[in-house]
């Protein structure tokens, strides 16, 4: 990892060059703290693993004020960073595209509940991004419970864990259909590691037609006849899927 100051400068140059090349255009007068500066702060906070936005802004104001002389207050910075999420995603996709995709990838979904199910009496008009994505009931197999909200679906490289495609969908969807849509983005991987929710002959056949072998965990009966060393390897790969899913939320 670069020294923190060098990291700020390196990330800023990447983002500023991307903005100048047409990734995004801001209407109106330029603010004192530019969009490139705010995106740099947001990205470096992510790279350094700082969980608190307010705490990291205070750290920047204390230790790196010479790099960001017009740093806005936390509420304004939060509002503008949220407004810039589309540009942030374009930058992420642009940088990810510079690295070749792995031959082996993984797909999974995670629950994004928005309200406890006991408080939902019927369609309540709760919508997601863009106000056109209705919340629905769905089953969270990982915790064996129902929830009300959405699902975050991600496709990542298995080794580098780079997110290649993602989507937020209503909770009441077929995971295999969501995965099929994500797999349309980019070249088909040689192997696709999935959880049990993606088991299905039709899904496996559709991916095989594209040159992809779908790998899902063995059933209980299959595990009974497997050697312990193989079960350990399978558990390690399943833990990797769960880790990627947690870090994507």
Protein backbone atom coordinates (compact mmCIF):
# COMPACT_ATOMS: atom_id res chain seq x y z
CA UNK A 1 0.00 0.00 0.00
CA UNK A 2 1.23 3.48 -0.86
CA UNK A 3 1.79 6.07 1.88
CA UNK A 4 -1.53 7.76 2.56
CA UNK A 5 -0.59 11.08 0.99
CA UNK A 6 0.70 9.37 -2.16
CA UNK A 7 -2.49 7.31 -2.26
CA UNK A 8 -4.61 10.48 -2.17
CA UNK A 9 -2.60 11.98 -5.03
CA UNK A 10 -2.65 8.81 -7.13
CA UNK A 11 -6.42 8.31 -6.75
CA UNK A 12 -7.11 12.00 -7.41
CA UNK A 13 -5.15 11.91 -10.69
CA UNK A 14 -7.06 8.82 -11.85
CA UNK A 15 -10.43 10.38 -11.01
CA UNK A 16 -9.61 13.83 -12.40
CA UNK A 17 -8.41 12.33 -15.70
CA UNK A 18 -11.59 10.24 -15.93
CA UNK A 19 -13.80 13.27 -15.28
CA UNK A 20 -11.95 15.31 -17.90
CA UNK A 21 -12.41 12.47 -20.40
CA UNK A 22 -16.19 12.74 -20.04
CA UNK A 23 -17.21 10.29 -17.31
CA UNK A 24 -19.50 12.94 -15.84
CA UNK A 25 -20.47 16.58 -16.27
CA UNK A 26 -21.57 18.90 -13.47
CA UNK A 27 -24.15 21.61 -14.19
CA UNK A 28 -23.72 25.07 -12.67
CA UNK A 29 -20.69 26.74 -11.10
CA UNK A 30 -17.80 24.65 -9.80
CA UNK A 31 -17.87 24.17 -5.99
CA UNK A 32 -14.94 25.06 -3.75
CA UNK A 33 -14.26 21.38 -3.06
CA UNK A 34 -14.42 19.72 -6.46
CA UNK A 35 -16.26 16.51 -7.29
CA UNK A 36 -12.89 14.88 -8.00
CA UNK A 37 -11.72 15.75 -4.48
CA UNK A 38 -14.86 14.32 -2.84
CA UNK A 39 -14.71 11.16 -4.92
CA UNK A 40 -11.05 10.81 -3.96
CA UNK A 41 -11.91 11.04 -0.27
CA UNK A 42 -14.73 8.52 -0.65
CA UNK A 43 -12.58 6.03 -2.55
CA UNK A 44 -9.55 6.34 -0.25
CA UNK A 45 -11.81 5.84 2.79
CA UNK A 46 -12.99 2.61 1.18
CA UNK A 47 -9.43 1.48 0.37
CA UNK A 48 -8.25 2.19 3.93
CA UNK A 49 -11.24 0.44 5.46
CA UNK A 50 -12.44 3.42 7.51
CA UNK A 51 -16.00 2.61 8.58
CA UNK A 52 -17.00 6.07 9.82
CA UNK A 53 -17.47 8.77 7.19
CA UNK A 54 -17.55 11.54 9.81
CA UNK A 55 -14.44 10.14 11.49
CA UNK A 56 -12.52 9.96 8.23
CA UNK A 57 -13.51 13.49 7.23
CA UNK A 58 -12.20 14.68 10.60
CA UNK A 59 -8.97 12.77 9.95
CA UNK A 60 -8.64 14.39 6.51
CA UNK A 61 -9.24 17.86 7.99
CA UNK A 62 -6.65 17.20 10.70
CA UNK A 63 -3.87 15.45 8.74
CA UNK A 64 -4.42 16.24 5.05
CA UNK A 65 -5.89 19.74 5.01
CA UNK A 66 -3.12 20.89 2.66
CA UNK A 67 -4.52 18.50 0.03
CA UNK A 68 -8.16 19.56 0.56
CA UNK A 69 -8.20 23.26 1.55
CA UNK A 70 -11.98 23.72 1.01
CA UNK A 71 -13.27 20.59 2.70
CA UNK A 72 -17.07 20.87 3.28
CA UNK A 73 -18.82 19.95 6.50
CA UNK A 74 -19.83 16.32 7.03
CA UNK A 75 -23.51 16.79 6.11
CA UNK A 76 -22.69 18.57 2.83
CA UNK A 77 -19.98 16.05 1.98
CA UNK A 78 -22.36 13.16 2.63
CA UNK A 79 -25.07 14.72 0.44
CA UNK A 80 -22.70 15.38 -2.45
CA UNK A 81 -21.02 11.96 -2.26
CA UNK A 82 -24.44 10.33 -2.43
CA UNK A 83 -25.30 12.51 -5.42
CA UNK A 84 -22.07 11.33 -7.08
CA UNK A 85 -22.75 7.61 -6.63
CA UNK A 86 -23.40 7.17 -10.37
CA UNK A 87 -20.02 8.70 -11.24
CA UNK A 88 -18.41 6.57 -8.53
CA UNK A 89 -19.84 3.42 -10.15
CA UNK A 90 -18.68 4.50 -13.62
CA UNK A 91 -15.17 5.02 -12.27
CA UNK A 92 -15.22 1.65 -10.51
CA UNK A 93 -16.35 -0.13 -13.68
CA UNK A 94 -13.76 1.70 -15.77
CA UNK A 95 -10.90 0.70 -13.45
CA UNK A 96 -12.16 -2.88 -13.10
CA UNK A 97 -12.29 -3.23 -16.89
CA UNK A 98 -8.55 -2.58 -17.06
CA UNK A 99 -7.92 -5.90 -15.31
CA UNK A 100 -8.73 -9.14 -17.19
CA UNK A 101 -11.57 -11.14 -15.68
CA UNK A 102 -10.83 -14.42 -13.90
CA UNK A 103 -11.69 -17.72 -15.54
CA UNK A 104 -13.54 -18.60 -12.35
CA UNK A 105 -16.21 -16.26 -10.99
CA UNK A 106 -18.92 -16.38 -8.35
CA UNK A 107 -22.49 -15.13 -8.11
CA UNK A 108 -24.57 -14.65 -4.97
CA UNK A 109 -27.32 -12.50 -3.50
CA UNK A 110 -27.81 -11.04 -0.05
CA UNK A 111 -30.92 -9.75 1.69
CA UNK A 112 -31.50 -6.00 2.04
CA UNK A 113 -34.46 -5.72 4.43
CA UNK A 114 -36.06 -2.29 4.76
CA UNK A 115 -38.77 -2.99 7.32
CA UNK A 116 -39.58 -5.75 9.81
CA UNK A 117 -42.14 -8.11 8.34
CA UNK A 118 -44.44 -7.65 11.36
CA UNK A 119 -44.93 -4.00 10.33
CA UNK A 120 -45.95 -4.76 6.75
CA UNK A 121 -49.69 -5.22 6.25
CA UNK A 122 -49.72 -5.03 2.45
CA UNK A 123 -48.14 -3.15 -0.46
CA UNK A 124 -46.90 0.05 1.18
CA UNK A 125 -45.28 1.75 -1.78
CA UNK A 126 -41.73 1.40 -0.43
CA UNK A 127 -39.43 1.83 -3.42
CA UNK A 128 -35.74 1.49 -4.04
CA UNK A 129 -33.22 3.38 -6.22
CA UNK A 130 -34.92 5.57 -8.81
CA UNK A 131 -38.29 5.18 -7.01
CA UNK A 132 -39.28 2.48 -9.50
CA UNK A 133 -38.21 -0.68 -7.64
CA UNK A 134 -40.94 -1.99 -5.31
CA UNK A 135 -40.02 -3.78 -2.08
CA UNK A 136 -41.31 -7.35 -1.77
CA UNK A 137 -41.24 -10.33 0.59
CA UNK A 138 -38.46 -12.85 0.11
CA UNK A 139 -36.80 -15.81 1.79
CA UNK A 140 -33.32 -15.41 3.27
CA UNK A 141 -31.97 -18.95 3.06
CA UNK A 142 -28.74 -18.07 4.90
CA UNK A 143 -30.72 -17.20 8.05
CA UNK A 144 -33.81 -19.34 7.36
CA UNK A 145 -36.21 -16.41 7.67
CA UNK A 146 -38.49 -14.18 5.62
CA UNK A 147 -37.73 -10.52 5.05
CA UNK A 148 -39.27 -7.49 3.33
CA UNK A 149 -37.15 -5.46 0.97
CA UNK A 150 -34.67 -6.13 -1.81
CA UNK A 151 -31.74 -8.32 -2.79
CA UNK A 152 -28.23 -7.25 -3.75
CA UNK A 153 -26.88 -9.55 -6.46
CA UNK A 154 -23.16 -9.48 -7.31
CA UNK A 155 -20.87 -11.24 -9.77
CA UNK A 156 -17.21 -11.18 -8.75
CA UNK A 157 -13.88 -12.68 -9.74
CA UNK A 158 -13.06 -15.56 -7.44
CA UNK A 159 -9.41 -14.74 -6.76
CA UNK A 160 -9.30 -10.91 -6.83
CA UNK A 161 -12.94 -10.48 -5.70
CA UNK A 162 -13.38 -7.57 -8.11
CA UNK A 163 -17.09 -6.86 -8.64
CA UNK A 164 -17.82 -7.36 -12.34
CA UNK A 165 -21.58 -6.77 -12.26
CA UNK A 166 -24.23 -6.04 -9.63
CA UNK A 167 -27.92 -5.28 -9.33
CA UNK A 168 -30.52 -4.44 -6.70
CA UNK A 169 -33.76 -6.34 -7.26
CA UNK A 170 -37.01 -6.95 -5.33
CA UNK A 171 -36.74 -9.72 -2.74
CA UNK A 172 -39.32 -11.92 -4.49
CA UNK A 173 -37.24 -12.86 -7.53
CA UNK A 174 -35.75 -16.03 -8.92
CA UNK A 175 -32.04 -15.90 -8.08
CA UNK A 176 -31.15 -17.91 -11.17
CA UNK A 177 -32.81 -15.34 -13.44
CA UNK A 178 -30.91 -12.51 -11.74
CA UNK A 179 -27.64 -14.43 -12.11
CA UNK A 180 -28.36 -15.06 -15.79
CA UNK A 181 -28.76 -11.31 -16.36
CA UNK A 182 -25.50 -10.53 -14.52
CA UNK A 183 -23.65 -13.12 -16.57
CA UNK A 184 -24.60 -11.29 -19.76
CA UNK A 185 -22.10 -8.60 -18.73
CA UNK A 186 -18.61 -9.51 -19.89
CA UNK A 187 -17.20 -12.74 -21.30
CA UNK A 188 -18.55 -16.00 -19.84
CA UNK A 189 -16.28 -17.52 -17.19
CA UNK A 190 -15.01 -21.07 -17.46
CA UNK A 191 -16.37 -21.95 -14.00
CA UNK A 192 -19.11 -20.30 -11.95
CA UNK A 193 -19.21 -20.91 -8.20
CA UNK A 194 -22.70 -20.54 -6.70
CA UNK A 195 -24.63 -21.36 -3.56
CA UNK A 196 -27.47 -23.89 -3.30
CA UNK A 197 -30.08 -21.34 -4.35
CA UNK A 198 -28.73 -21.47 -7.90
CA UNK A 199 -29.14 -25.23 -8.33
CA UNK A 200 -31.25 -26.17 -11.33
CA UNK A 201 -30.84 -28.17 -14.52
CA UNK A 202 -32.19 -25.42 -16.78
CA UNK A 203 -29.81 -22.82 -15.34
CA UNK A 204 -26.83 -25.18 -15.57
CA UNK A 205 -27.72 -26.10 -19.15
CA UNK A 206 -28.09 -22.46 -20.19
CA UNK A 207 -24.66 -21.62 -18.79
CA UNK A 208 -23.09 -24.74 -20.28
CA UNK A 209 -24.29 -23.54 -23.69
CA UNK A 210 -22.17 -20.42 -23.10
CA UNK A 211 -19.15 -22.48 -22.08
CA UNK A 212 -19.56 -22.10 -18.31
CA UNK A 213 -19.65 -24.95 -15.81
CA UNK A 214 -21.89 -24.21 -12.80
CA UNK A 215 -20.46 -25.44 -9.49
CA UNK A 216 -22.83 -25.70 -6.50
CA UNK A 217 -22.30 -27.21 -3.03
CA UNK A 218 -23.05 -30.95 -2.76
CA UNK A 219 -26.26 -32.18 -1.19
CA UNK A 220 -26.37 -33.79 2.22
CA UNK A 221 -26.37 -37.28 0.68
CA UNK A 222 -23.41 -36.42 -1.55
CA UNK A 223 -21.40 -35.05 1.39
CA UNK A 224 -21.85 -38.31 3.28
CA UNK A 225 -19.67 -40.16 0.75
CA UNK A 226 -16.98 -37.47 0.31
CA UNK A 227 -13.56 -37.55 1.98
CA UNK A 228 -12.90 -35.03 4.75
CA UNK A 229 -10.21 -33.18 2.78
CA UNK A 230 -12.66 -32.49 -0.06
CA UNK A 231 -15.33 -31.28 2.38
CA UNK A 232 -12.75 -28.89 3.86
CA UNK A 233 -11.98 -27.42 0.43
CA UNK A 234 -15.69 -26.98 -0.33
CA UNK A 235 -16.20 -25.23 3.02
CA UNK A 236 -13.32 -22.84 2.27
CA UNK A 237 -14.82 -21.84 -1.08
CA UNK A 238 -18.28 -21.37 0.45
CA UNK A 239 -16.75 -19.12 3.12
CA UNK A 240 -15.18 -17.05 0.35
CA UNK A 241 -18.60 -16.54 -1.23
CA UNK A 242 -20.05 -15.44 2.10
CA UNK A 243 -17.15 -13.05 2.70
CA UNK A 244 -17.61 -11.37 -0.68
CA UNK A 245 -21.35 -11.04 -0.07
CA UNK A 246 -20.85 -9.42 3.35
CA UNK A 247 -18.26 -6.93 2.08
CA UNK A 248 -20.50 -5.96 -0.86
CA UNK A 249 -23.32 -4.70 1.36
